[in-house]
PDB file of N, CA and C in Angstrom:
ATOM      1  N   MET A   1     180.365  46.766 121.890  1.00  0.00           N
ATOM      2  CA  MET A   1     181.599  46.737 121.422  1.00  0.00           C
ATOM      3  C   MET A   1     181.443  47.944 120.557  1.00  0.00           C
ATOM      4  N   SER A   2     182.746  48.867 120.775  1.00  0.00           N
ATOM      5  CA  SER A   2     182.807  50.390 119.922  1.00  0.00           C
ATOM      6  C   SER A   2     183.653  49.846 118.904  1.00  0.00           C
ATOM      7  N   GLU A   3     183.558  50.997 117.768  1.00  0.00           N
ATOM      8  CA  GLU A   3     184.240  50.644 116.594  1.00  0.00           C
ATOM      9  C   GLU A   3     185.278  51.797 116.011  1.00  0.00           C
ATOM     10  N   PHE A   4     186.418  51.738 116.092  1.00  0.00           N
ATOM     11  CA  PHE A   4     187.244  52.901 115.735  1.00  0.00           C
ATOM     12  C   PHE A   4     187.324  53.003 114.125  1.00  0.00           C
ATOM     13  N   ARG A   5     187.686  53.693 113.988  1.00  0.00           N
ATOM     14  CA  ARG A   5     188.493  53.917 112.074  1.00  0.00           C
ATOM     15  C   ARG A   5     189.534  55.034 111.878  1.00  0.00           C
ATOM     16  N   VAL A   6     190.396  54.422 111.713  1.00  0.00           N
ATOM     17  CA  VAL A   6     191.868  55.374 111.494  1.00  0.00           C
ATOM     18  C   VAL A   6     191.840  55.765 110.051  1.00  0.00           C
ATOM     19  N   LYS A   7     192.004  56.798 109.916  1.00  0.00           N
ATOM     20  CA  LYS A   7     192.196  57.516 108.268  1.00  0.00           C
ATOM     21  C   LYS A   7     194.204  56.806 108.223  1.00  0.00           C
ATOM     22  N   SER A   8     194.103  56.867 107.027  1.00  0.00           N
ATOM     23  CA  SER A   8     195.429  56.658 107.007  1.00  0.00           C
ATOM     24  C   SER A   8     196.156  57.868 106.276  1.00  0.00           C
ATOM     25  N   ILE A   9     197.038  57.955 106.584  1.00  0.00           N
ATOM     26  CA  ILE A   9     198.201  58.894 105.925  1.00  0.00           C
ATOM     27  C   ILE A   9     198.273  58.998 104.430  1.00  0.00           C
ATOM     28  N   THR A  10     198.344  59.735 103.678  1.00  0.00           N
ATOM     29  CA  THR A  10     198.823  59.754 102.241  1.00  0.00           C
ATOM     30  C   THR A  10     200.053  60.478 102.017  1.00  0.00           C
ATOM     31  N   LYS A  11     200.544  60.988 102.761  1.00  0.00           N
ATOM     32  CA  LYS A  11     201.971  61.737 102.800  1.00  0.00           C
ATOM     33  C   LYS A  11     202.378  62.207 104.354  1.00  0.00           C
ATOM     34  N   LEU A  12     203.468  62.279 104.365  1.00  0.00           N
ATOM     35  CA  LEU A  12     204.019  63.025 105.515  1.00  0.00           C
ATOM     36  C   LEU A  12     205.333  63.402 105.123  1.00  0.00           C
ATOM     37  N   HIS A  13     205.804  64.802 105.822  1.00  0.00           N
ATOM     38  CA  HIS A  13     206.635  65.532 105.471  1.00  0.00           C
ATOM     39  C   HIS A  13     207.434  65.819 106.878  1.00  0.00           C
ATOM     40  N   ALA A  14     208.671  65.347 107.087  1.00  0.00           N
ATOM     41  CA  ALA A  14     209.292  66.050 108.428  1.00  0.00           C
ATOM     42  C   ALA A  14     210.679  65.701 108.452  1.00  0.00           C
ATOM     43  N   GLU A  15     211.192  66.516 109.344  1.00  0.00           N
ATOM     44  CA  GLU A  15     212.673  66.353 109.146  1.00  0.00           C
ATOM     45  C   GLU A  15     213.292  66.127 110.747  1.00  0.00           C
ATOM     46  N   PHE A  16     213.735  65.159 110.811  1.00  0.00           N
ATOM     47  CA  PHE A  16     214.498  64.756 111.957  1.00  0.00           C
ATOM     48  C   PHE A  16     215.935  64.689 112.048  1.00  0.00           C
ATOM     49  N   ARG A  17     216.709  64.645 112.861  1.00  0.00           N
ATOM     50  CA  ARG A  17     217.830  64.187 113.202  1.00  0.00           C
ATOM     51  C   ARG A  17     218.353  62.717 114.103  1.00  0.00           C
ATOM     52  N   VAL A  18     218.649  62.087 113.255  1.00  0.00           N
ATOM     53  CA  VAL A  18     218.944  60.974 113.804  1.00  0.00           C
ATOM     54  C   VAL A  18     220.591  61.121 114.767  1.00  0.00           C
ATOM     55  N   PRO A  19     220.553  60.509 115.720  1.00  0.00           N
ATOM     56  CA  PRO A  19     221.768  60.820 117.069  1.00  0.00           C
ATOM     57  C   PRO A  19     223.092  60.203 116.235  1.00  0.00           C
ATOM     58  N   GLY A  20     223.964  60.736 116.514  1.00  0.00           N
ATOM     59  CA  GLY A  20     225.280  59.857 116.365  1.00  0.00           C
ATOM     60  C   GLY A  20     225.533  58.676 116.835  1.00  0.00           C
ATOM     61  N   ASP A  21     226.427  57.794 116.756  1.00  0.00           N
ATOM     62  CA  ASP A  21     227.089  56.849 117.293  1.00  0.00           C
ATOM     63  C   ASP A  21     228.116  56.790 118.268  1.00  0.00           C
ATOM     64  N   LYS A  22     227.762  56.202 119.421  1.00  0.00           N
ATOM     65  CA  LYS A  22     228.695  56.084 120.206  1.00  0.00           C
ATOM     66  C   LYS A  22     229.888  55.917 120.166  1.00  0.00           C
ATOM     67  N   SER A  23     230.190  54.898 119.493  1.00  0.00           N
ATOM     68  CA  SER A  23     231.665  54.043 118.878  1.00  0.00           C
ATOM     69  C   SER A  23     232.458  54.569 118.185  1.00  0.00           C
ATOM     70  N   MET A  24     231.502  55.448 117.008  1.00  0.00           N
ATOM     71  CA  MET A  24     232.332  56.111 116.054  1.00  0.00           C
ATOM     72  C   MET A  24     232.477  57.290 116.608  1.00  0.00           C
ATOM     73  N   SER A  25     231.555  58.051 117.548  1.00  0.00           N
ATOM     74  CA  SER A  25     232.099  59.484 118.037  1.00  0.00           C
ATOM     75  C   SER A  25     233.403  59.208 118.746  1.00  0.00           C
ATOM     76  N   HIS A  26     233.648  58.379 119.835  1.00  0.00           N
ATOM     77  CA  HIS A  26     235.211  58.432 120.518  1.00  0.00           C
ATOM     78  C   HIS A  26     236.350  58.046 119.088  1.00  0.00           C
ATOM     79  N   ARG A  27     235.980  57.402 118.630  1.00  0.00           N
ATOM     80  CA  ARG A  27     237.010  57.249 117.476  1.00  0.00           C
ATOM     81  C   ARG A  27     237.186  58.129 116.667  1.00  0.00           C
ATOM     82  N   ALA A  28     236.265  58.859 115.809  1.00  0.00           N
ATOM     83  CA  ALA A  28     236.399  60.500 115.417  1.00  0.00           C
ATOM     84  C   ALA A  28     236.973  61.507 116.443  1.00  0.00           C
ATOM     85  N   ALA A  29     236.765  61.575 117.313  1.00  0.00           N
ATOM     86  CA  ALA A  29     237.516  62.366 118.222  1.00  0.00           C
ATOM     87  C   ALA A  29     239.075  62.006 118.464  1.00  0.00           C
ATOM     88  N   MET A  30     239.403  60.890 118.439  1.00  0.00           N
ATOM     89  CA  MET A  30     240.829  60.156 118.617  1.00  0.00           C
ATOM     90  C   MET A  30     241.391  60.371 117.379  1.00  0.00           C
ATOM     91  N   LEU A  31     240.941  59.864 116.580  1.00  0.00           N
ATOM     92  CA  LEU A  31     241.457  59.884 114.955  1.00  0.00           C
ATOM     93  C   LEU A  31     241.849  61.634 114.271  1.00  0.00           C
ATOM     94  N   ALA A  32     240.836  62.147 114.784  1.00  0.00           N
ATOM     95  CA  ALA A  32     240.937  63.660 114.222  1.00  0.00           C
ATOM     96  C   ALA A  32     241.871  64.051 115.188  1.00  0.00           C
ATOM     97  N   GLY A  33     241.863  64.219 116.242  1.00  0.00           N
ATOM     98  CA  GLY A  33     243.074  64.616 117.316  1.00  0.00           C
ATOM     99  C   GLY A  33     244.777  64.301 116.940  1.00  0.00           C
ATOM    100  N   LEU A  34     244.874  63.002 116.031  1.00  0.00           N
ATOM    101  CA  LEU A  34     245.841  62.486 115.925  1.00  0.00           C
ATOM    102  C   LEU A  34     246.776  62.765 114.510  1.00  0.00           C
ATOM    103  N   SER A  35     245.426  63.068 113.714  1.00  0.00           N
ATOM    104  CA  SER A  35     245.591  64.049 112.427  1.00  0.00           C
ATOM    105  C   SER A  35     246.816  64.940 111.805  1.00  0.00           C
ATOM    106  N   ASN A  36     246.730  65.045 110.864  1.00  0.00           N
ATOM    107  CA  ASN A  36     247.815  66.094 110.518  1.00  0.00           C
ATOM    108  C   ASN A  36     247.531  67.041 109.667  1.00  0.00           C
ATOM    109  N   GLY A  37     246.646  68.235 110.494  1.00  0.00           N
ATOM    110  CA  GLY A  37     246.083  69.030 109.723  1.00  0.00           C
ATOM    111  C   GLY A  37     244.682  69.038 110.781  1.00  0.00           C
ATOM    112  N   THR A  38     243.339  69.708 110.156  1.00  0.00           N
ATOM    113  CA  THR A  38     241.687  70.024 110.650  1.00  0.00           C
ATOM    114  C   THR A  38     241.045  69.122 110.130  1.00  0.00           C
ATOM    115  N   CYS A  39     239.992  68.051 110.528  1.00  0.00           N
ATOM    116  CA  CYS A  39     238.891  67.297 110.500  1.00  0.00           C
ATOM    117  C   CYS A  39     237.589  67.984 111.072  1.00  0.00           C
ATOM    118  N   LYS A  40     236.784  68.198 109.899  1.00  0.00           N
ATOM    119  CA  LYS A  40     235.579  68.172 110.365  1.00  0.00           C
ATOM    120  C   LYS A  40     234.857  66.847 110.935  1.00  0.00           C
ATOM    121  N   VAL A  41     234.506  66.728 112.178  1.00  0.00           N
ATOM    122  CA  VAL A  41     233.452  66.067 113.030  1.00  0.00           C
ATOM    123  C   VAL A  41     232.069  66.321 112.789  1.00  0.00           C
ATOM    124  N   THR A  42     230.910  65.626 112.024  1.00  0.00           N
ATOM    125  CA  THR A  42     229.852  65.837 112.176  1.00  0.00           C
ATOM    126  C   THR A  42     229.129  64.764 112.513  1.00  0.00           C
ATOM    127  N   ASN A  43     227.968  64.969 113.279  1.00  0.00           N
ATOM    128  CA  ASN A  43     226.780  64.155 113.885  1.00  0.00           C
ATOM    129  C   ASN A  43     227.389  63.202 115.083  1.00  0.00           C
ATOM    130  N   PHE A  44     228.386  64.028 115.825  1.00  0.00           N
ATOM    131  CA  PHE A  44     229.148  63.521 117.131  1.00  0.00           C
ATOM    132  C   PHE A  44     227.891  63.561 117.929  1.00  0.00           C
ATOM    133  N   LEU A  45     228.219  62.262 118.671  1.00  0.00           N
ATOM    134  CA  LEU A  45     226.904  62.096 119.642  1.00  0.00           C
ATOM    135  C   LEU A  45     227.313  62.605 121.164  1.00  0.00           C
ATOM    136  N   PRO A  46     226.866  63.819 121.494  1.00  0.00           N
ATOM    137  CA  PRO A  46     227.173  64.588 122.381  1.00  0.00           C
ATOM    138  C   PRO A  46     227.144  63.764 123.822  1.00  0.00           C
ATOM    139  N   SER A  47     227.046  62.434 124.084  1.00  0.00           N
ATOM    140  CA  SER A  47     226.819  61.532 125.371  1.00  0.00           C
ATOM    141  C   SER A  47     227.905  62.246 126.352  1.00  0.00           C
ATOM    142  N   GLU A  48     227.828  61.847 127.971  1.00  0.00           N
ATOM    143  CA  GLU A  48     228.906  62.269 128.486  1.00  0.00           C
ATOM    144  C   GLU A  48     230.314  61.379 128.276  1.00  0.00           C
ATOM    145  N   ASP A  49     229.753  60.543 127.905  1.00  0.00           N
ATOM    146  CA  ASP A  49     231.118  59.129 127.459  1.00  0.00           C
ATOM    147  C   ASP A  49     232.110  59.919 126.363  1.00  0.00           C
ATOM    148  N   CYS A  50     231.097  60.019 125.223  1.00  0.00           N
ATOM    149  CA  CYS A  50     232.054  61.248 124.048  1.00  0.00           C
ATOM    150  C   CYS A  50     232.756  62.231 124.489  1.00  0.00           C
ATOM    151  N   LEU A  51     232.055  63.152 125.087  1.00  0.00           N
ATOM    152  CA  LEU A  51     232.358  64.046 125.684  1.00  0.00           C
ATOM    153  C   LEU A  51     233.674  64.235 126.586  1.00  0.00           C
ATOM    154  N   ASN A  52     233.897  63.203 127.476  1.00  0.00           N
ATOM    155  CA  ASN A  52     234.886  63.044 127.960  1.00  0.00           C
ATOM    156  C   ASN A  52     236.121  62.635 127.260  1.00  0.00           C
ATOM    157  N   THR A  53     235.973  61.740 126.294  1.00  0.00           N
ATOM    158  CA  THR A  53     237.131  61.494 125.243  1.00  0.00           C
ATOM    159  C   THR A  53     237.417  62.936 124.490  1.00  0.00           C
ATOM    160  N   LEU A  54     236.179  63.809 123.808  1.00  0.00           N
ATOM    161  CA  LEU A  54     236.710  65.298 123.403  1.00  0.00           C
ATOM    162  C   LEU A  54     237.553  65.984 124.166  1.00  0.00           C
ATOM    163  N   LYS A  55     237.297  65.764 125.300  1.00  0.00           N
ATOM    164  CA  LYS A  55     237.730  66.658 126.730  1.00  0.00           C
ATOM    165  C   LYS A  55     239.667  66.124 126.486  1.00  0.00           C
ATOM    166  N   ALA A  56     239.674  64.369 126.620  1.00  0.00           N
ATOM    167  CA  ALA A  56     240.796  64.098 127.123  1.00  0.00           C
ATOM    168  C   ALA A  56     241.589  64.343 125.721  1.00  0.00           C
ATOM    169  N   MET A  57     241.077  64.435 124.560  1.00  0.00           N
ATOM    170  CA  MET A  57     242.080  64.593 123.223  1.00  0.00           C
ATOM    171  C   MET A  57     241.896  66.270 123.504  1.00  0.00           C
ATOM    172  N   GLN A  58     241.436  67.005 123.911  1.00  0.00           N
ATOM    173  CA  GLN A  58     241.811  68.603 124.123  1.00  0.00           C
ATOM    174  C   GLN A  58     242.711  68.817 125.317  1.00  0.00           C
ATOM    175  N   ALA A  59     243.212  67.851 126.249  1.00  0.00           N
ATOM    176  CA  ALA A  59     244.000  67.472 127.506  1.00  0.00           C
ATOM    177  C   ALA A  59     245.430  67.147 126.721  1.00  0.00           C
ATOM    178  N   LEU A  60     245.297  66.329 125.578  1.00  0.00           N
ATOM    179  CA  LEU A  60     246.408  65.937 124.756  1.00  0.00           C
ATOM    180  C   LEU A  60     246.812  66.926 123.647  1.00  0.00           C
ATOM    181  N   GLY A  61     246.392  67.956 123.375  1.00  0.00           N
ATOM    182  CA  GLY A  61     246.983  68.893 122.590  1.00  0.00           C
ATOM    183  C   GLY A  61     246.153  68.977 121.564  1.00  0.00           C
ATOM    184  N   ALA A  62     244.802  68.170 121.120  1.00  0.00           N
ATOM    185  CA  ALA A  62     243.709  68.653 120.173  1.00  0.00           C
ATOM    186  C   ALA A  62     243.194  69.825 120.358  1.00  0.00           C
ATOM    187  N   ARG A  63     243.089  70.818 119.494  1.00  0.00           N
ATOM    188  CA  ARG A  63     241.992  72.057 119.459  1.00  0.00           C
ATOM    189  C   ARG A  63     240.775  71.833 118.967  1.00  0.00           C
ATOM    190  N   VAL A  64     239.893  71.949 119.538  1.00  0.00           N
ATOM    191  CA  VAL A  64     238.553  71.796 119.202  1.00  0.00           C
ATOM    192  C   VAL A  64     237.753  73.102 118.826  1.00  0.00           C
ATOM    193  N   GLU A  65     236.912  73.339 117.693  1.00  0.00           N
ATOM    194  CA  GLU A  65     236.264  74.739 117.447  1.00  0.00           C
ATOM    195  C   GLU A  65     234.872  73.800 117.056  1.00  0.00           C
ATOM    196  N   VAL A  66     234.050  74.452 118.223  1.00  0.00           N
ATOM    197  CA  VAL A  66     232.473  73.828 117.879  1.00  0.00           C
ATOM    198  C   VAL A  66     231.720  74.610 116.562  1.00  0.00           C
ATOM    199  N   LEU A  67     231.198  74.183 115.989  1.00  0.00           N
ATOM    200  CA  LEU A  67     230.369  74.415 114.743  1.00  0.00           C
ATOM    201  C   LEU A  67     228.804  74.447 114.990  1.00  0.00           C
ATOM    202  N   GLU A  68     228.445  73.516 115.835  1.00  0.00           N
ATOM    203  CA  GLU A  68     227.242  73.470 116.186  1.00  0.00           C
ATOM    204  C   GLU A  68     226.728  72.879 117.172  1.00  0.00           C
ATOM    205  N   GLU A  69     225.871  72.887 118.086  1.00  0.00           N
ATOM    206  CA  GLU A  69     225.711  72.750 119.459  1.00  0.00           C
ATOM    207  C   GLU A  69     224.051  72.168 119.246  1.00  0.00           C
ATOM    208  N   LEU A  70     223.815  71.152 120.039  1.00  0.00           N
ATOM    209  CA  LEU A  70     222.555  70.579 120.189  1.00  0.00           C
ATOM    210  C   LEU A  70     222.064  71.352 121.740  1.00  0.00           C
ATOM    211  N   ASP A  71     221.036  72.051 121.716  1.00  0.00           N
ATOM    212  CA  ASP A  71     220.907  72.707 122.987  1.00  0.00           C
ATOM    213  C   ASP A  71     220.857  71.983 123.809  1.00  0.00           C
ATOM    214  N   GLY A  72     221.365  72.429 125.217  1.00  0.00           N
ATOM    215  CA  GLY A  72     221.420  71.302 126.376  1.00  0.00           C
ATOM    216  C   GLY A  72     221.908  70.116 126.549  1.00  0.00           C
ATOM    217  N   TYR A  73     222.869  69.389 125.485  1.00  0.00           N
ATOM    218  CA  TYR A  73     223.724  68.668 125.126  1.00  0.00           C
ATOM    219  C   TYR A  73     224.892  68.626 124.926  1.00  0.00           C
ATOM    220  N   GLY A  74     225.172  69.668 123.881  1.00  0.00           N
ATOM    221  CA  GLY A  74     226.819  69.708 123.553  1.00  0.00           C
ATOM    222  C   GLY A  74     227.005  69.721 122.474  1.00  0.00           C
ATOM    223  N   PRO A  75     228.244  69.476 121.734  1.00  0.00           N
ATOM    224  CA  PRO A  75     228.487  69.800 120.297  1.00  0.00           C
ATOM    225  C   PRO A  75     228.139  68.696 119.483  1.00  0.00           C
ATOM    226  N   ILE A  76     227.659  68.715 118.737  1.00  0.00           N
ATOM    227  CA  ILE A  76     227.323  67.868 117.694  1.00  0.00           C
ATOM    228  C   ILE A  76     228.216  68.184 115.967  1.00  0.00           C
ATOM    229  N   SER A  77     229.080  68.922 115.994  1.00  0.00           N
ATOM    230  CA  SER A  77     229.568  69.277 114.941  1.00  0.00           C
ATOM    231  C   SER A  77     230.826  70.445 115.227  1.00  0.00           C
ATOM    232  N   MET A  78     232.242  69.586 114.632  1.00  0.00           N
ATOM    233  CA  MET A  78     233.129  70.491 115.155  1.00  0.00           C
ATOM    234  C   MET A  78     234.075  70.257 114.196  1.00  0.00           C
ATOM    235  N   LYS A  79     235.253  70.932 114.363  1.00  0.00           N
ATOM    236  CA  LYS A  79     236.421  71.040 113.721  1.00  0.00           C
ATOM    237  C   LYS A  79     237.526  70.593 114.541  1.00  0.00           C
ATOM    238  N   ILE A  80     238.196  69.661 114.426  1.00  0.00           N
ATOM    239  CA  ILE A  80     239.794  69.192 115.491  1.00  0.00           C
ATOM    240  C   ILE A  80     240.863  69.435 114.848  1.00  0.00           C
ATOM    241  N   GLU A  81     241.633  70.409 115.297  1.00  0.00           N
ATOM    242  CA  GLU A  81     243.060  69.898 114.882  1.00  0.00           C
ATOM    243  C   GLU A  81     244.032  69.220 115.210  1.00  0.00           C
ATOM    244  N   GLY A  82     244.559  68.494 114.783  1.00  0.00           N
ATOM    245  CA  GLY A  82     245.140  67.367 115.271  1.00  0.00           C
ATOM    246  C   GLY A  82     246.389  67.905 115.549  1.00  0.00           C
ATOM    247  N   ARG A  83     247.338  66.831 116.142  1.00  0.00           N
ATOM    248  CA  ARG A  83     248.898  67.060 116.534  1.00  0.00           C
ATOM    249  C   ARG A  83     249.699  66.146 115.714  1.00  0.00           C
ATOM    250  N   SER A  84     249.326  65.252 114.804  1.00  0.00           N
ATOM    251  CA  SER A  84     250.441  64.626 113.617  1.00  0.00           C
ATOM    252  C   SER A  84     251.005  63.345 114.648  1.00  0.00           C
ATOM    253  N   MET A  85     250.219  62.790 115.390  1.00  0.00           N
ATOM    254  CA  MET A  85     250.758  61.756 116.229  1.00  0.00           C
ATOM    255  C   MET A  85     251.320  62.617 117.345  1.00  0.00           C
ATOM    256  N   LYS A  86     251.667  63.623 117.557  1.00  0.00           N
ATOM    257  CA  LYS A  86     252.880  64.151 118.641  1.00  0.00           C
ATOM    258  C   LYS A  86     252.095  64.810 119.505  1.00  0.00           C
ATOM    259  N   LEU A  87     251.655  63.831 120.526  1.00  0.00           N
ATOM    260  CA  LEU A  87     250.209  64.530 121.248  1.00  0.00           C
ATOM    261  C   LEU A  87     251.275  65.328 122.451  1.00  0.00           C
ATOM    262  N   ASP A  88     250.762  66.374 123.184  1.00  0.00           N
ATOM    263  CA  ASP A  88     251.303  66.590 124.600  1.00  0.00           C
ATOM    264  C   ASP A  88     250.619  65.899 125.715  1.00  0.00           C
ATOM    265  N   ALA A  89     251.844  66.064 126.816  1.00  0.00           N
ATOM    266  CA  ALA A  89     251.621  65.679 127.964  1.00  0.00           C
ATOM    267  C   ALA A  89     250.627  66.384 128.703  1.00  0.00           C
ATOM    268  N   PRO A  90     249.581  65.653 129.297  1.00  0.00           N
ATOM    269  CA  PRO A  90     248.339  66.078 130.084  1.00  0.00           C
ATOM    270  C   PRO A  90     248.673  66.651 131.427  1.00  0.00           C
ATOM    271  N   THR A  91     248.510  67.887 131.421  1.00  0.00           N
ATOM    272  CA  THR A  91     248.979  68.763 132.987  1.00  0.00           C
ATOM    273  C   THR A  91     248.106  68.159 134.324  1.00  0.00           C
ATOM    274  N   ALA A  92     247.227  67.137 134.106  1.00  0.00           N
ATOM    275  CA  ALA A  92     246.452  66.350 135.355  1.00  0.00           C
ATOM    276  C   ALA A  92     246.041  65.159 134.551  1.00  0.00           C
ATOM    277  N   PRO A  93     245.676  64.117 135.438  1.00  0.00           N
ATOM    278  CA  PRO A  93     245.068  63.100 135.320  1.00  0.00           C
ATOM    279  C   PRO A  93     244.010  63.002 134.425  1.00  0.00           C
ATOM    280  N   ILE A  94     243.815  62.286 133.271  1.00  0.00           N
ATOM    281  CA  ILE A  94     242.666  62.091 132.487  1.00  0.00           C
ATOM    282  C   ILE A  94     241.240  61.840 133.348  1.00  0.00           C
ATOM    283  N   ASP A  95     239.923  62.088 133.237  1.00  0.00           N
ATOM    284  CA  ASP A  95     238.749  61.757 133.842  1.00  0.00           C
ATOM    285  C   ASP A  95     238.476  60.892 132.408  1.00  0.00           C
ATOM    286  N   CYS A  96     237.874  59.834 132.845  1.00  0.00           N
ATOM    287  CA  CYS A  96     237.130  59.002 131.169  1.00  0.00           C
ATOM    288  C   CYS A  96     235.920  58.764 131.962  1.00  0.00           C
ATOM    289  N   GLY A  97     235.471  59.407 133.013  1.00  0.00           N
ATOM    290  CA  GLY A  97     234.172  58.889 133.324  1.00  0.00           C
ATOM    291  C   GLY A  97     233.571  57.820 133.812  1.00  0.00           C
ATOM    292  N   ASN A  98     232.400  57.143 132.996  1.00  0.00           N
ATOM    293  CA  ASN A  98     232.461  55.668 133.094  1.00  0.00           C
ATOM    294  C   ASN A  98     232.520  54.875 131.716  1.00  0.00           C
ATOM    295  N   SER A  99     233.250  55.731 130.834  1.00  0.00           N
ATOM    296  CA  SER A  99     233.417  55.134 129.405  1.00  0.00           C
ATOM    297  C   SER A  99     234.473  54.224 129.606  1.00  0.00           C
ATOM    298  N   GLY A 100     234.271  52.777 129.792  1.00  0.00           N
ATOM    299  CA  GLY A 100     235.195  52.079 129.413  1.00  0.00           C
ATOM    300  C   GLY A 100     235.884  52.135 127.894  1.00  0.00           C
ATOM    301  N   THR A 101     234.719  52.078 126.895  1.00  0.00           N
ATOM    302  CA  THR A 101     235.596  52.558 125.652  1.00  0.00           C
ATOM    303  C   THR A 101     236.366  53.305 125.671  1.00  0.00           C
ATOM    304  N   GLY A 102     236.233  54.554 126.155  1.00  0.00           N
ATOM    305  CA  GLY A 102     237.093  55.592 125.869  1.00  0.00           C
ATOM    306  C   GLY A 102     238.714  55.108 126.645  1.00  0.00           C
ATOM    307  N   MET A 103     238.548  54.917 127.984  1.00  0.00           N
ATOM    308  CA  MET A 103     239.423  54.431 128.840  1.00  0.00           C
ATOM    309  C   MET A 103     240.654  53.509 127.954  1.00  0.00           C
ATOM    310  N   ARG A 104     239.745  52.522 127.250  1.00  0.00           N
ATOM    311  CA  ARG A 104     240.682  51.360 126.799  1.00  0.00           C
ATOM    312  C   ARG A 104     241.017  51.873 125.429  1.00  0.00           C
ATOM    313  N   LEU A 105     240.661  52.879 124.496  1.00  0.00           N
ATOM    314  CA  LEU A 105     240.984  53.145 123.328  1.00  0.00           C
ATOM    315  C   LEU A 105     242.347  54.391 123.897  1.00  0.00           C
ATOM    316  N   LEU A 106     241.854  55.067 124.955  1.00  0.00           N
ATOM    317  CA  LEU A 106     242.953  56.103 124.993  1.00  0.00           C
ATOM    318  C   LEU A 106     244.353  55.002 125.707  1.00  0.00           C
ATOM    319  N   ALA A 107     243.909  54.269 126.244  1.00  0.00           N
ATOM    320  CA  ALA A 107     245.400  53.604 126.947  1.00  0.00           C
ATOM    321  C   ALA A 107     246.419  52.873 125.555  1.00  0.00           C
ATOM    322  N   GLY A 108     245.604  52.317 124.390  1.00  0.00           N
ATOM    323  CA  GLY A 108     246.397  52.021 123.435  1.00  0.00           C
ATOM    324  C   GLY A 108     247.178  53.406 122.649  1.00  0.00           C
ATOM    325  N   LEU A 109     246.076  54.542 122.727  1.00  0.00           N
ATOM    326  CA  LEU A 109     246.988  55.619 121.794  1.00  0.00           C
ATOM    327  C   LEU A 109     247.854  56.136 122.787  1.00  0.00           C
ATOM    328  N   LEU A 110     247.587  55.902 124.075  1.00  0.00           N
ATOM    329  CA  LEU A 110     248.858  56.894 124.627  1.00  0.00           C
ATOM    330  C   LEU A 110     250.071  55.782 125.058  1.00  0.00           C
ATOM    331  N   ALA A 111     249.903  54.531 125.029  1.00  0.00           N
ATOM    332  CA  ALA A 111     250.934  53.461 125.306  1.00  0.00           C
ATOM    333  C   ALA A 111     252.324  53.992 124.804  1.00  0.00           C
ATOM    334  N   PRO A 112     252.424  54.182 123.130  1.00  0.00           N
ATOM    335  CA  PRO A 112     253.709  54.471 122.702  1.00  0.00           C
ATOM    336  C   PRO A 112     254.218  55.991 122.707  1.00  0.00           C
ATOM    337  N   GLN A 113     253.161  56.866 123.565  1.00  0.00           N
ATOM    338  CA  GLN A 113     253.691  58.120 123.905  1.00  0.00           C
ATOM    339  C   GLN A 113     255.063  58.308 124.866  1.00  0.00           C
ATOM    340  N   PRO A 114     255.805  59.479 124.441  1.00  0.00           N
ATOM    341  CA  PRO A 114     257.172  59.308 125.637  1.00  0.00           C
ATOM    342  C   PRO A 114     256.965  60.103 126.678  1.00  0.00           C
ATOM    343  N   PHE A 115     255.367  60.054 127.307  1.00  0.00           N
ATOM    344  CA  PHE A 115     255.190  60.935 128.843  1.00  0.00           C
ATOM    345  C   PHE A 115     253.930  59.706 129.379  1.00  0.00           C
ATOM    346  N   THR A 116     254.301  59.703 130.369  1.00  0.00           N
ATOM    347  CA  THR A 116     253.383  58.753 131.228  1.00  0.00           C
ATOM    348  C   THR A 116     252.021  59.686 131.371  1.00  0.00           C
ATOM    349  N   THR A 117     250.643  59.070 131.409  1.00  0.00           N
ATOM    350  CA  THR A 117     249.404  59.636 131.612  1.00  0.00           C
ATOM    351  C   THR A 117     248.900  58.582 132.599  1.00  0.00           C
ATOM    352  N   GLU A 118     248.021  59.503 133.712  1.00  0.00           N
ATOM    353  CA  GLU A 118     247.186  58.710 134.366  1.00  0.00           C
ATOM    354  C   GLU A 118     245.491  58.812 133.784  1.00  0.00           C
ATOM    355  N   LEU A 119     244.992  57.755 133.935  1.00  0.00           N
ATOM    356  CA  LEU A 119     243.742  57.764 133.350  1.00  0.00           C
ATOM    357  C   LEU A 119     242.769  57.291 134.456  1.00  0.00           C
ATOM    358  N   PHE A 120     241.591  57.857 134.777  1.00  0.00           N
ATOM    359  CA  PHE A 120     240.697  57.415 135.642  1.00  0.00           C
ATOM    360  C   PHE A 120     239.247  57.527 135.267  1.00  0.00           C
ATOM    361  N   GLY A 121     238.399  57.053 136.299  1.00  0.00           N
ATOM    362  CA  GLY A 121     237.260  56.848 136.204  1.00  0.00           C
ATOM    363  C   GLY A 121     236.225  56.599 136.902  1.00  0.00           C
ATOM    364  N   ASP A 122     234.888  56.550 137.183  1.00  0.00           N
ATOM    365  CA  ASP A 122     234.233  56.231 138.151  1.00  0.00           C
ATOM    366  C   ASP A 122     234.195  55.052 138.531  1.00  0.00           C
ATOM    367  N   ALA A 123     233.446  54.591 139.801  1.00  0.00           N
ATOM    368  CA  ALA A 123     233.417  53.294 140.222  1.00  0.00           C
ATOM    369  C   ALA A 123     233.275  52.416 139.300  1.00  0.00           C
ATOM    370  N   SER A 124     232.317  52.494 138.191  1.00  0.00           N
ATOM    371  CA  SER A 124     232.173  51.432 137.093  1.00  0.00           C
ATOM    372  C   SER A 124     233.563  51.112 136.416  1.00  0.00           C
ATOM    373  N   LEU A 125     234.128  51.703 136.626  1.00  0.00           N
ATOM    374  CA  LEU A 125     235.505  51.217 135.796  1.00  0.00           C
ATOM    375  C   LEU A 125     236.200  50.527 136.561  1.00  0.00           C
TER     376      LEU A 125
END
């Protein structure tokens, strides 16, 4: 039988980035897009679902300025200039990808608007 000894580490110094939360990222993009002025959104999760929500808000008139990107994934920090609840009618249907959360939240956000919007997604929706 072999015996192994593992030396314990007395000190560890490291830096790491905790990924953003999907639910919070959807809501941050939407609320910033509805705001009166500019909001800074940090620790955004650049998942496909959240990026589709961000694109949807851009299609509805929100302006996005990317401040920091995670290499190969997308924006994690940005400024979003809101529309003060006066969204623009999109020029094309809005693709929600496979994000049920994004589609449900966008449907509620768009319901009181004075224009019609088509939301669509992939087969999973």
